[in-house]
């Protein structure tokens, strides 16, 4: 069954309207539903949860893919909540359950930015049952504009560098609280007060 309008140029050249009920498009399991046009807009008219839902629920090989093949901007795919939040949740008990992955070139970056939040947890990384592991192929730089601390609620805090560990603040005092234990030879470039 083919519905064709060869002359109409308006936005509603072909219109399917159900003023009181729904519209159901259903194809056989092995066949595609193809929607193509200039701009494709899916708009919900109901103020409910899951107002727009994309669901695959047939088998373990299923995937849902959003692809932009030619856009080069930083927002080539944009997920935006104008008034609320964005939740990414995975229930699968698998490795890499949630993964942010840039793979295509040496100029790529992955940025996590909060431009307006001013609280102490404006960006928070939390692992309630396990650890947090940060690995870099080059260096790791942590820079803060205010006073900062590294604290463990139990156990020791270990700083270990293959070429040594430098604790430096030129022109200001460095304070070590508690017992100070040196296992090997120590060299002090200036006066040490105890």
Protein backbone atom coordinates (compact mmCIF):
# COMPACT_ATOMS: atom_id res chain seq x y z
CA UNK A 1 0.00 0.00 0.00
CA UNK A 2 1.60 3.26 -1.14
CA UNK A 3 0.45 6.76 -0.16
CA UNK A 4 2.07 9.39 -2.39
CA UNK A 5 1.71 13.14 -2.79
CA UNK A 6 3.67 14.27 -5.85
CA UNK A 7 2.67 17.96 -5.91
CA UNK A 8 2.12 19.16 -2.35
CA UNK A 9 4.97 21.20 -0.81
CA UNK A 10 3.53 22.09 2.62
CA UNK A 11 4.69 20.67 5.97
CA UNK A 12 1.47 18.66 6.11
CA UNK A 13 1.44 17.42 2.50
CA UNK A 14 0.58 13.99 3.93
CA UNK A 15 -0.97 14.06 7.40
CA UNK A 16 -2.14 11.21 9.64
CA UNK A 17 -4.29 12.60 12.47
CA UNK A 18 -6.09 10.85 15.31
CA UNK A 19 -7.94 13.50 17.33
CA UNK A 20 -9.15 11.17 20.12
CA UNK A 21 -7.09 7.98 19.88
CA UNK A 22 -3.57 6.86 19.05
CA UNK A 23 -1.59 6.04 15.92
CA UNK A 24 0.02 2.58 15.74
CA UNK A 25 2.78 1.72 13.27
CA UNK A 26 3.68 -1.97 13.41
CA UNK A 27 5.97 -3.90 11.07
CA UNK A 28 7.00 -7.56 10.96
CA UNK A 29 9.89 -8.57 13.23
CA UNK A 30 12.40 -8.89 10.36
CA UNK A 31 11.32 -5.68 8.59
CA UNK A 32 12.33 -2.07 9.22
CA UNK A 33 10.31 1.05 9.95
CA UNK A 34 12.07 3.80 8.00
CA UNK A 35 11.41 7.50 8.64
CA UNK A 36 13.46 9.92 6.53
CA UNK A 37 13.13 13.62 5.85
CA UNK A 38 14.68 17.04 6.29
CA UNK A 39 14.37 17.42 10.07
CA UNK A 40 12.89 14.54 12.07
CA UNK A 41 11.07 15.79 15.18
CA UNK A 42 9.54 13.57 17.85
CA UNK A 43 7.39 15.68 20.18
CA UNK A 44 5.33 14.44 23.12
CA UNK A 45 2.06 16.19 24.04
CA UNK A 46 1.57 14.47 27.42
CA UNK A 47 2.98 15.58 30.82
CA UNK A 48 3.99 12.10 32.05
CA UNK A 49 7.08 10.04 32.80
CA UNK A 50 8.66 8.36 29.75
CA UNK A 51 6.94 10.94 27.53
CA UNK A 52 9.29 9.78 24.76
CA UNK A 53 10.50 6.19 25.01
CA UNK A 54 12.85 4.13 22.81
CA UNK A 55 12.66 0.48 23.86
CA UNK A 56 14.22 -2.76 22.59
CA UNK A 57 12.94 -5.85 24.41
CA UNK A 58 13.34 -8.98 22.29
CA UNK A 59 16.76 -10.51 22.93
CA UNK A 60 20.27 -10.21 24.43
CA UNK A 61 21.89 -9.09 21.14
CA UNK A 62 19.82 -5.89 20.93
CA UNK A 63 21.43 -2.47 20.77
CA UNK A 64 20.09 1.08 20.51
CA UNK A 65 22.41 3.31 18.48
CA UNK A 66 22.40 7.10 18.01
CA UNK A 67 24.75 8.02 15.14
CA UNK A 68 25.81 11.33 13.62
CA UNK A 69 28.18 10.47 10.78
CA UNK A 70 29.15 13.93 9.51
CA UNK A 71 28.67 16.49 12.28
CA UNK A 72 32.01 17.83 13.53
CA UNK A 73 30.91 20.18 16.32
CA UNK A 74 31.41 19.50 20.02
CA UNK A 75 27.61 19.11 20.22
CA UNK A 76 27.25 16.79 17.21
CA UNK A 77 25.06 14.66 19.49
CA UNK A 78 23.48 16.80 22.21
CA UNK A 79 21.60 15.44 25.25
CA UNK A 80 20.07 18.40 27.04
CA UNK A 81 17.60 18.79 29.91
CA UNK A 82 16.58 22.46 30.06
CA UNK A 83 14.97 22.29 33.51
CA UNK A 84 15.95 18.94 35.05
CA UNK A 85 18.85 16.52 35.10
CA UNK A 86 20.27 13.85 32.81
CA UNK A 87 20.46 10.31 34.26
CA UNK A 88 22.54 7.56 32.66
CA UNK A 89 21.87 4.27 34.44
CA UNK A 90 23.05 0.73 33.67
CA UNK A 91 21.67 -2.36 35.44
CA UNK A 92 23.88 -4.95 33.72
CA UNK A 93 26.42 -6.63 36.04
CA UNK A 94 29.23 -6.30 33.47
CA UNK A 95 32.57 -4.56 33.02
CA UNK A 96 32.38 -1.09 31.40
CA UNK A 97 28.67 -0.88 32.26
CA UNK A 98 28.92 2.87 31.60
CA UNK A 99 31.73 4.06 29.34
CA UNK A 100 32.78 7.41 27.87
CA UNK A 101 35.21 6.63 25.09
CA UNK A 102 37.00 8.92 22.60
CA UNK A 103 38.91 6.86 20.03
CA UNK A 104 39.59 8.81 16.85
CA UNK A 105 42.57 11.16 17.25
CA UNK A 106 45.30 12.75 19.37
CA UNK A 107 43.42 16.08 19.73
CA UNK A 108 40.37 14.52 21.39
CA UNK A 109 39.45 15.44 24.96
CA UNK A 110 36.79 14.31 27.41
CA UNK A 111 35.54 17.19 29.58
CA UNK A 112 33.38 17.02 32.71
CA UNK A 113 32.42 20.62 33.48
CA UNK A 114 30.10 22.33 35.96
CA UNK A 115 29.99 26.04 35.13
CA UNK A 116 27.44 27.23 37.74
CA UNK A 117 27.60 24.96 40.79
CA UNK A 118 29.43 26.51 43.77
CA UNK A 119 29.01 23.79 46.41
CA UNK A 120 31.82 21.62 47.81
CA UNK A 121 30.49 18.71 45.72
CA UNK A 122 29.90 20.61 42.49
CA UNK A 123 31.55 17.64 40.75
CA UNK A 124 31.55 14.41 42.75
CA UNK A 125 33.10 11.03 41.99
CA UNK A 126 31.71 8.46 44.44
CA UNK A 127 32.25 4.71 44.70
CA UNK A 128 30.19 3.52 47.68
CA UNK A 129 31.39 -0.11 47.67
CA UNK A 130 34.66 -0.13 45.70
CA UNK A 131 37.63 2.08 44.93
CA UNK A 132 38.33 4.90 42.48
CA UNK A 133 41.21 4.26 40.08
CA UNK A 134 42.78 7.03 37.97
CA UNK A 135 45.38 5.94 35.41
CA UNK A 136 47.15 8.15 32.86
CA UNK A 137 49.56 7.35 30.06
CA UNK A 138 51.37 10.62 30.84
CA UNK A 139 51.04 12.87 33.90
CA UNK A 140 48.16 13.61 36.27
CA UNK A 141 47.56 17.23 37.29
CA UNK A 142 45.15 18.29 40.04
CA UNK A 143 44.83 22.06 40.46
CA UNK A 144 42.55 23.90 42.88
CA UNK A 145 41.99 27.61 43.51
CA UNK A 146 41.41 27.10 47.24
CA UNK A 147 42.67 25.11 50.23
CA UNK A 148 42.44 21.37 49.55
CA UNK A 149 42.88 18.06 51.34
CA UNK A 150 43.41 14.37 50.73
CA UNK A 151 41.86 12.37 53.58
CA UNK A 152 41.34 8.69 54.33
CA UNK A 153 38.74 7.62 56.89
CA UNK A 154 40.90 4.56 57.66
CA UNK A 155 44.31 3.27 56.61
CA UNK A 156 47.37 5.17 55.45
CA UNK A 157 47.76 7.64 52.60
CA UNK A 158 50.66 6.64 50.33
CA UNK A 159 52.46 8.91 47.88
CA UNK A 160 54.95 6.99 45.78
CA UNK A 161 56.90 8.22 42.77
CA UNK A 162 59.35 6.19 40.71
CA UNK A 163 61.67 9.22 40.63
CA UNK A 164 60.90 10.44 44.13
CA UNK A 165 58.20 12.52 45.80
CA UNK A 166 58.42 16.31 45.98
CA UNK A 167 56.39 18.21 48.56
CA UNK A 168 57.07 21.83 47.75
CA UNK A 169 55.68 25.28 48.41
CA UNK A 170 58.27 27.97 47.76
CA UNK A 171 58.36 30.77 50.33
CA UNK A 172 55.79 29.29 52.71
CA UNK A 173 55.90 26.77 55.54
CA UNK A 174 55.18 23.06 55.06
CA UNK A 175 53.65 21.50 58.19
CA UNK A 176 53.75 17.81 59.04
CA UNK A 177 51.45 16.85 61.94
CA UNK A 178 51.92 13.67 63.94
CA UNK A 179 54.93 11.37 64.09
CA UNK A 180 57.39 11.84 61.20
CA UNK A 181 59.20 8.61 60.30
CA UNK A 182 62.11 8.54 57.83
CA UNK A 183 63.16 5.03 56.76
CA UNK A 184 66.22 6.07 54.73
CA UNK A 185 68.73 8.94 54.54
CA UNK A 186 67.18 12.43 54.54
CA UNK A 187 68.58 15.68 53.16
CA UNK A 188 67.26 19.09 54.22
CA UNK A 189 68.15 22.15 52.12
CA UNK A 190 67.33 24.62 54.90
CA UNK A 191 66.60 24.81 58.61
CA UNK A 192 64.17 22.25 60.04
CA UNK A 193 62.27 23.17 63.18
CA UNK A 194 60.86 20.60 65.59
